[in-house]
Structure formats: C-alpha cells, structure tokens
Amino acid sequence: MKHLSNLRTILMLRAAAWILEVACALAREAVRHAPRRGREDLIRKTLMALAYGLRRLAQRVIRLTPPRRK
C-alpha cells in the first residue's frame, strides 16, 4: 500500500511541475503583451496567484503522504 501512496505523490508532484510550467509561460506572455502602465501590478497579481496555487498543492501532497515512522 505504501508503494501506491508514493506513486500518487510522485504523480501529483509531476502534475504540479507541469501546471507551474504552463502558468509561468502564460504569465510571461501576459506580461510581455501588457501595456507599460500597470505591468508591475500584473506581475504582482500573477506571482500571488502562483504562490497561492503552490501553497494549496503543497497542502494536498502533505495530506497524501503518511506520517513517517521512526
């Protein structure tokens, strides 16, 4: 059963990496095409959204992994 839990965690982390890669590419394009005025605000909002998504994902991965035994 432990093997399945590890596999789920690995798949979740791979999905997270892919999602982050796509989100960063979208953010890069959005910033590139944004008008000069308001660009900093767009960057700040994008980074906040990415941080929020990472935090949620980390919580989900932590919940999936069983506590370590000593």
PDB file of N, CA and C in Angstrom:
ATOM      1  N   MET A   1       0.824  -1.202   0.000  1.00  0.00           N
ATOM      2  CA  MET A   1       0.000   0.000   0.000  1.00  0.00           C
ATOM      3  C   MET A   1       0.862   1.257   0.000  1.00  0.00           C
ATOM      4  N   LYS A   2       2.017   1.177   0.662  1.00  0.00           N
ATOM      5  CA  LYS A   2       2.916   2.330   0.730  1.00  0.00           C
ATOM      6  C   LYS A   2       3.389   2.717  -0.672  1.00  0.00           C
ATOM      7  N   HIS A   3       3.606   1.690  -1.521  1.00  0.00           N
ATOM      8  CA  HIS A   3       4.056   1.937  -2.884  1.00  0.00           C
ATOM      9  C   HIS A   3       3.051   2.809  -3.650  1.00  0.00           C
ATOM     10  N   LEU A   4       1.768   2.529  -3.496  1.00  0.00           N
ATOM     11  CA  LEU A   4       0.732   3.304  -4.191  1.00  0.00           C
ATOM     12  C   LEU A   4       0.712   4.748  -3.701  1.00  0.00           C
ATOM     13  N   SER A   5       0.923   4.925  -2.405  1.00  0.00           N
ATOM     14  CA  SER A   5       0.939   6.269  -1.846  1.00  0.00           C
ATOM     15  C   SER A   5       2.115   7.062  -2.426  1.00  0.00           C
ATOM     16  N   ASN A   6       3.270   6.422  -2.522  1.00  0.00           N
ATOM     17  CA  ASN A   6       4.441   7.084  -3.097  1.00  0.00           C
ATOM     18  C   ASN A   6       4.203   7.411  -4.563  1.00  0.00           C
ATOM     19  N   LEU A   7       3.589   6.495  -5.285  1.00  0.00           N
ATOM     20  CA  LEU A   7       3.306   6.709  -6.701  1.00  0.00           C
ATOM     21  C   LEU A   7       2.351   7.884  -6.883  1.00  0.00           C
ATOM     22  N   ARG A   8       1.335   7.947  -6.035  1.00  0.00           N
ATOM     23  CA  ARG A   8       0.384   9.066  -6.097  1.00  0.00           C
ATOM     24  C   ARG A   8       1.086  10.396  -5.843  1.00  0.00           C
ATOM     25  N   THR A   9       1.973  10.399  -4.870  1.00  0.00           N
ATOM     26  CA  THR A   9       2.703  11.625  -4.541  1.00  0.00           C
ATOM     27  C   THR A   9       3.577  12.057  -5.711  1.00  0.00           C
ATOM     28  N   ILE A  10       4.266  11.108  -6.316  1.00  0.00           N
ATOM     29  CA  ILE A  10       5.132  11.422  -7.455  1.00  0.00           C
ATOM     30  C   ILE A  10       4.303  11.967  -8.612  1.00  0.00           C
ATOM     31  N   LEU A  11       3.171  11.327  -8.891  1.00  0.00           N
ATOM     32  CA  LEU A  11       2.310  11.809  -9.978  1.00  0.00           C
ATOM     33  C   LEU A  11       1.774  13.205  -9.680  1.00  0.00           C
ATOM     34  N   MET A  12       1.424  13.447  -8.435  1.00  0.00           N
ATOM     35  CA  MET A  12       0.924  14.763  -8.046  1.00  0.00           C
ATOM     36  C   MET A  12       2.013  15.823  -8.234  1.00  0.00           C
ATOM     37  N   LEU A  13       3.232  15.501  -7.850  1.00  0.00           N
ATOM     38  CA  LEU A  13       4.333  16.453  -7.995  1.00  0.00           C
ATOM     39  C   LEU A  13       4.665  16.711  -9.464  1.00  0.00           C
ATOM     40  N   ARG A  14       4.586  15.660 -10.284  1.00  0.00           N
ATOM     41  CA  ARG A  14       4.828  15.850 -11.724  1.00  0.00           C
ATOM     42  C   ARG A  14       3.752  16.725 -12.335  1.00  0.00           C
ATOM     43  N   ALA A  15       2.504  16.492 -11.931  1.00  0.00           N
ATOM     44  CA  ALA A  15       1.411  17.333 -12.421  1.00  0.00           C
ATOM     45  C   ALA A  15       1.617  18.774 -11.968  1.00  0.00           C
ATOM     46  N   ALA A  16       2.067  18.937 -10.743  1.00  0.00           N
ATOM     47  CA  ALA A  16       2.316  20.283 -10.215  1.00  0.00           C
ATOM     48  C   ALA A  16       3.401  20.979 -11.022  1.00  0.00           C
ATOM     49  N   ALA A  17       4.452  20.259 -11.343  1.00  0.00           N
ATOM     50  CA  ALA A  17       5.543  20.850 -12.119  1.00  0.00           C
ATOM     51  C   ALA A  17       5.039  21.284 -13.496  1.00  0.00           C
ATOM     52  N   TRP A  18       4.218  20.457 -14.113  1.00  0.00           N
ATOM     53  CA  TRP A  18       3.673  20.795 -15.428  1.00  0.00           C
ATOM     54  C   TRP A  18       2.761  22.018 -15.343  1.00  0.00           C
ATOM     55  N   ILE A  19       1.902  22.033 -14.327  1.00  0.00           N
ATOM     56  CA  ILE A  19       0.988  23.166 -14.143  1.00  0.00           C
ATOM     57  C   ILE A  19       1.779  24.457 -13.925  1.00  0.00           C
ATOM     58  N   LEU A  20       2.821  24.386 -13.113  1.00  0.00           N
ATOM     59  CA  LEU A  20       3.653  25.571 -12.874  1.00  0.00           C
ATOM     60  C   LEU A  20       4.340  26.042 -14.151  1.00  0.00           C
ATOM     61  N   GLU A  21       4.814  25.089 -14.936  1.00  0.00           N
ATOM     62  CA  GLU A  21       5.475  25.439 -16.189  1.00  0.00           C
ATOM     63  C   GLU A  21       4.509  26.178 -17.121  1.00  0.00           C
ATOM     64  N   VAL A  22       3.291  25.652 -17.250  1.00  0.00           N
ATOM     65  CA  VAL A  22       2.284  26.285 -18.102  1.00  0.00           C
ATOM     66  C   VAL A  22       1.888  27.652 -17.539  1.00  0.00           C
ATOM     67  N   ALA A  23       1.695  27.732 -16.229  1.00  0.00           N
ATOM     68  CA  ALA A  23       1.301  29.001 -15.607  1.00  0.00           C
ATOM     69  C   ALA A  23       2.381  30.057 -15.798  1.00  0.00           C
ATOM     70  N   CYS A  24       3.635  29.668 -15.665  1.00  0.00           N
ATOM     71  CA  CYS A  24       4.730  30.629 -15.854  1.00  0.00           C
ATOM     72  C   CYS A  24       4.808  31.094 -17.305  1.00  0.00           C
ATOM     73  N   ALA A  25       4.590  30.176 -18.248  1.00  0.00           N
ATOM     74  CA  ALA A  25       4.615  30.560 -19.660  1.00  0.00           C
ATOM     75  C   ALA A  25       3.474  31.535 -19.965  1.00  0.00           C
ATOM     76  N   LEU A  26       2.291  31.249 -19.421  1.00  0.00           N
ATOM     77  CA  LEU A  26       1.157  32.155 -19.628  1.00  0.00           C
ATOM     78  C   LEU A  26       1.419  33.520 -19.002  1.00  0.00           C
ATOM     79  N   ALA A  27       1.986  33.507 -17.806  1.00  0.00           N
ATOM     80  CA  ALA A  27       2.289  34.770 -17.128  1.00  0.00           C
ATOM     81  C   ALA A  27       3.319  35.571 -17.921  1.00  0.00           C
ATOM     82  N   ARG A  28       4.314  34.875 -18.449  1.00  0.00           N
ATOM     83  CA  ARG A  28       5.344  35.543 -19.239  1.00  0.00           C
ATOM     84  C   ARG A  28       4.732  36.217 -20.469  1.00  0.00           C
ATOM     85  N   GLU A  29       3.847  35.490 -21.150  1.00  0.00           N
ATOM     86  CA  GLU A  29       3.186  36.059 -22.331  1.00  0.00           C
ATOM     87  C   GLU A  29       2.292  37.233 -21.949  1.00  0.00           C
ATOM     88  N   ALA A  30       1.572  37.093 -20.855  1.00  0.00           N
ATOM     89  CA  ALA A  30       0.677  38.170 -20.425  1.00  0.00           C
ATOM     90  C   ALA A  30       1.468  39.429 -20.107  1.00  0.00           C
ATOM     91  N   VAL A  31       2.590  39.261 -19.427  1.00  0.00           N
ATOM     92  CA  VAL A  31       3.419  40.421 -19.076  1.00  0.00           C
ATOM     93  C   VAL A  31       4.045  41.024 -20.328  1.00  0.00           C
ATOM     94  N   ARG A  32       4.442  40.178 -21.260  1.00  0.00           N
ATOM     95  CA  ARG A  32       5.071  40.673 -22.487  1.00  0.00           C
ATOM     96  C   ARG A  32       4.110  41.552 -23.286  1.00  0.00           C
ATOM     97  N   HIS A  33       2.828  41.173 -23.296  1.00  0.00           N
ATOM     98  CA  HIS A  33       1.850  41.908 -24.097  1.00  0.00           C
ATOM     99  C   HIS A  33       1.085  42.967 -23.298  1.00  0.00           C
ATOM    100  N   ALA A  34       1.413  43.095 -22.032  1.00  0.00           N
ATOM    101  CA  ALA A  34       0.718  44.096 -21.204  1.00  0.00           C
ATOM    102  C   ALA A  34       1.251  45.486 -21.527  1.00  0.00           C
ATOM    103  N   PRO A  35       0.399  46.493 -21.409  1.00  0.00           N
ATOM    104  CA  PRO A  35       0.897  47.859 -21.604  1.00  0.00           C
ATOM    105  C   PRO A  35       1.899  48.199 -20.495  1.00  0.00           C
ATOM    106  N   ARG A  36       2.785  49.140 -20.786  1.00  0.00           N
ATOM    107  CA  ARG A  36       3.810  49.519 -19.797  1.00  0.00           C
ATOM    108  C   ARG A  36       3.186  49.901 -18.466  1.00  0.00           C
ATOM    109  N   ARG A  37       2.121  50.653 -18.539  1.00  0.00           N
ATOM    110  CA  ARG A  37       1.438  51.090 -17.325  1.00  0.00           C
ATOM    111  C   ARG A  37       0.635  49.928 -16.755  1.00  0.00           C
ATOM    112  N   GLY A  38       0.829  49.613 -15.500  1.00  0.00           N
ATOM    113  CA  GLY A  38       0.099  48.525 -14.870  1.00  0.00           C
ATOM    114  C   GLY A  38       0.789  47.176 -14.977  1.00  0.00           C
ATOM    115  N   ARG A  39       1.968  47.160 -15.580  1.00  0.00           N
ATOM    116  CA  ARG A  39       2.685  45.894 -15.738  1.00  0.00           C
ATOM    117  C   ARG A  39       3.125  45.335 -14.381  1.00  0.00           C
ATOM    118  N   GLU A  40       3.578  46.206 -13.497  1.00  0.00           N
ATOM    119  CA  GLU A  40       4.028  45.753 -12.174  1.00  0.00           C
ATOM    120  C   GLU A  40       2.874  45.113 -11.395  1.00  0.00           C
ATOM    121  N   ASP A  41       1.692  45.709 -11.522  1.00  0.00           N
ATOM    122  CA  ASP A  41       0.524  45.167 -10.833  1.00  0.00           C
ATOM    123  C   ASP A  41       0.182  43.776 -11.374  1.00  0.00           C
ATOM    124  N   LEU A  42       0.282  43.617 -12.687  1.00  0.00           N
ATOM    125  CA  LEU A  42       0.013  42.318 -13.302  1.00  0.00           C
ATOM    126  C   LEU A  42       1.013  41.274 -12.815  1.00  0.00           C
ATOM    127  N   ILE A  43       2.276  41.664 -12.748  1.00  0.00           N
ATOM    128  CA  ILE A  43       3.312  40.738 -12.274  1.00  0.00           C
ATOM    129  C   ILE A  43       3.042  40.344 -10.821  1.00  0.00           C
ATOM    130  N   ARG A  44       2.704  41.326  -9.999  1.00  0.00           N
ATOM    131  CA  ARG A  44       2.444  41.045  -8.581  1.00  0.00           C
ATOM    132  C   ARG A  44       1.257  40.095  -8.428  1.00  0.00           C
ATOM    133  N   LYS A  45       0.179  40.364  -9.157  1.00  0.00           N
ATOM    134  CA  LYS A  45      -1.014  39.511  -9.065  1.00  0.00           C
ATOM    135  C   LYS A  45      -0.724  38.096  -9.555  1.00  0.00           C
ATOM    136  N   THR A  46       0.062  37.984 -10.611  1.00  0.00           N
ATOM    137  CA  THR A  46       0.411  36.667 -11.146  1.00  0.00           C
ATOM    138  C   THR A  46       1.234  35.879 -10.138  1.00  0.00           C
ATOM    139  N   LEU A  47       2.215  36.541  -9.537  1.00  0.00           N
ATOM    140  CA  LEU A  47       3.046  35.859  -8.542  1.00  0.00           C
ATOM    141  C   LEU A  47       2.230  35.443  -7.318  1.00  0.00           C
ATOM    142  N   MET A  48       1.288  36.287  -6.922  1.00  0.00           N
ATOM    143  CA  MET A  48       0.435  35.939  -5.777  1.00  0.00           C
ATOM    144  C   MET A  48      -0.417  34.708  -6.111  1.00  0.00           C
ATOM    145  N   ALA A  49      -0.946  34.655  -7.334  1.00  0.00           N
ATOM    146  CA  ALA A  49      -1.766  33.516  -7.746  1.00  0.00           C
ATOM    147  C   ALA A  49      -0.932  32.238  -7.795  1.00  0.00           C
ATOM    148  N   LEU A  50       0.297  32.334  -8.313  1.00  0.00           N
ATOM    149  CA  LEU A  50       1.174  31.168  -8.346  1.00  0.00           C
ATOM    150  C   LEU A  50       1.518  30.697  -6.934  1.00  0.00           C
ATOM    151  N   ALA A  51       1.796  31.636  -6.041  1.00  0.00           N
ATOM    152  CA  ALA A  51       2.125  31.279  -4.659  1.00  0.00           C
ATOM    153  C   ALA A  51       0.934  30.599  -3.985  1.00  0.00           C
ATOM    154  N   TYR A  52      -0.266  31.114  -4.237  1.00  0.00           N
ATOM    155  CA  TYR A  52      -1.473  30.520  -3.656  1.00  0.00           C
ATOM    156  C   TYR A  52      -1.656  29.090  -4.171  1.00  0.00           C
ATOM    157  N   GLY A  53      -1.477  28.909  -5.475  1.00  0.00           N
ATOM    158  CA  GLY A  53      -1.608  27.575  -6.058  1.00  0.00           C
ATOM    159  C   GLY A  53      -0.576  26.608  -5.500  1.00  0.00           C
ATOM    160  N   LEU A  54       0.654  27.069  -5.341  1.00  0.00           N
ATOM    161  CA  LEU A  54       1.702  26.224  -4.769  1.00  0.00           C
ATOM    162  C   LEU A  54       1.385  25.829  -3.332  1.00  0.00           C
ATOM    163  N   ARG A  55       0.880  26.791  -2.572  1.00  0.00           N
ATOM    164  CA  ARG A  55       0.540  26.509  -1.174  1.00  0.00           C
ATOM    165  C   ARG A  55      -0.546  25.442  -1.098  1.00  0.00           C
ATOM    166  N   ARG A  56      -1.584  25.579  -1.928  1.00  0.00           N
ATOM    167  CA  ARG A  56      -2.673  24.590  -1.942  1.00  0.00           C
ATOM    168  C   ARG A  56      -2.160  23.213  -2.351  1.00  0.00           C
ATOM    169  N   LEU A  57      -1.294  23.192  -3.356  1.00  0.00           N
ATOM    170  CA  LEU A  57      -0.748  21.929  -3.836  1.00  0.00           C
ATOM    171  C   LEU A  57       0.118  21.269  -2.768  1.00  0.00           C
ATOM    172  N   ALA A  58       0.929  22.060  -2.089  1.00  0.00           N
ATOM    173  CA  ALA A  58       1.783  21.518  -1.027  1.00  0.00           C
ATOM    174  C   ALA A  58       0.925  20.913   0.080  1.00  0.00           C
ATOM    175  N   GLN A  59      -0.165  21.574   0.423  1.00  0.00           N
ATOM    176  CA  GLN A  59      -1.052  21.040   1.452  1.00  0.00           C
ATOM    177  C   GLN A  59      -1.642  19.703   1.008  1.00  0.00           C
ATOM    178  N   ARG A  60      -2.000  19.606  -0.268  1.00  0.00           N
ATOM    179  CA  ARG A  60      -2.582  18.362  -0.774  1.00  0.00           C
ATOM    180  C   ARG A  60      -1.561  17.233  -0.764  1.00  0.00           C
ATOM    181  N   VAL A  61      -0.323  17.524  -1.167  1.00  0.00           N
ATOM    182  CA  VAL A  61       0.725  16.499  -1.184  1.00  0.00           C
ATOM    183  C   VAL A  61       1.039  16.053   0.235  1.00  0.00           C
ATOM    184  N   ILE A  62       1.096  17.002   1.164  1.00  0.00           N
ATOM    185  CA  ILE A  62       1.377  16.658   2.563  1.00  0.00           C
ATOM    186  C   ILE A  62       0.270  15.757   3.115  1.00  0.00           C
ATOM    187  N   ARG A  63      -0.973  16.043   2.738  1.00  0.00           N
ATOM    188  CA  ARG A  63      -2.086  15.224   3.202  1.00  0.00           C
ATOM    189  C   ARG A  63      -2.028  13.817   2.616  1.00  0.00           C
ATOM    190  N   LEU A  64      -1.484  13.677   1.404  1.00  0.00           N
ATOM    191  CA  LEU A  64      -1.404  12.362   0.758  1.00  0.00           C
ATOM    192  C   LEU A  64      -0.350  11.471   1.392  1.00  0.00           C
ATOM    193  N   THR A  65       0.755  12.075   1.812  1.00  0.00           N
ATOM    194  CA  THR A  65       1.852  11.267   2.327  1.00  0.00           C
ATOM    195  C   THR A  65       1.589  10.907   3.790  1.00  0.00           C
ATOM    196  N   PRO A  66       1.713   9.632   4.117  1.00  0.00           N
ATOM    197  CA  PRO A  66       1.501   9.222   5.511  1.00  0.00           C
ATOM    198  C   PRO A  66       2.646   9.728   6.386  1.00  0.00           C
ATOM    199  N   PRO A  67       2.404   9.885   7.678  1.00  0.00           N
ATOM    200  CA  PRO A  67       3.485  10.338   8.568  1.00  0.00           C
ATOM    201  C   PRO A  67       4.616   9.314   8.610  1.00  0.00           C
ATOM    202  N   ARG A  68       5.830   9.806   8.704  1.00  0.00           N
ATOM    203  CA  ARG A  68       6.993   8.904   8.726  1.00  0.00           C
ATOM    204  C   ARG A  68       7.109   8.228  10.081  1.00  0.00           C
ATOM    205  N   ARG A  69       7.486   6.967  10.016  1.00  0.00           N
ATOM    206  CA  ARG A  69       7.705   6.214  11.265  1.00  0.00           C
ATOM    207  C   ARG A  69       9.183   6.215  11.582  1.00  0.00           C
ATOM    208  N   LYS A  70       9.495   6.330  12.863  1.00  0.00           N
ATOM    209  CA  LYS A  70      10.914   6.338  13.270  1.00  0.00           C
ATOM    210  C   LYS A  70      11.361   4.964  13.674  1.00  0.00           C
TER     211      LYS A  70
END
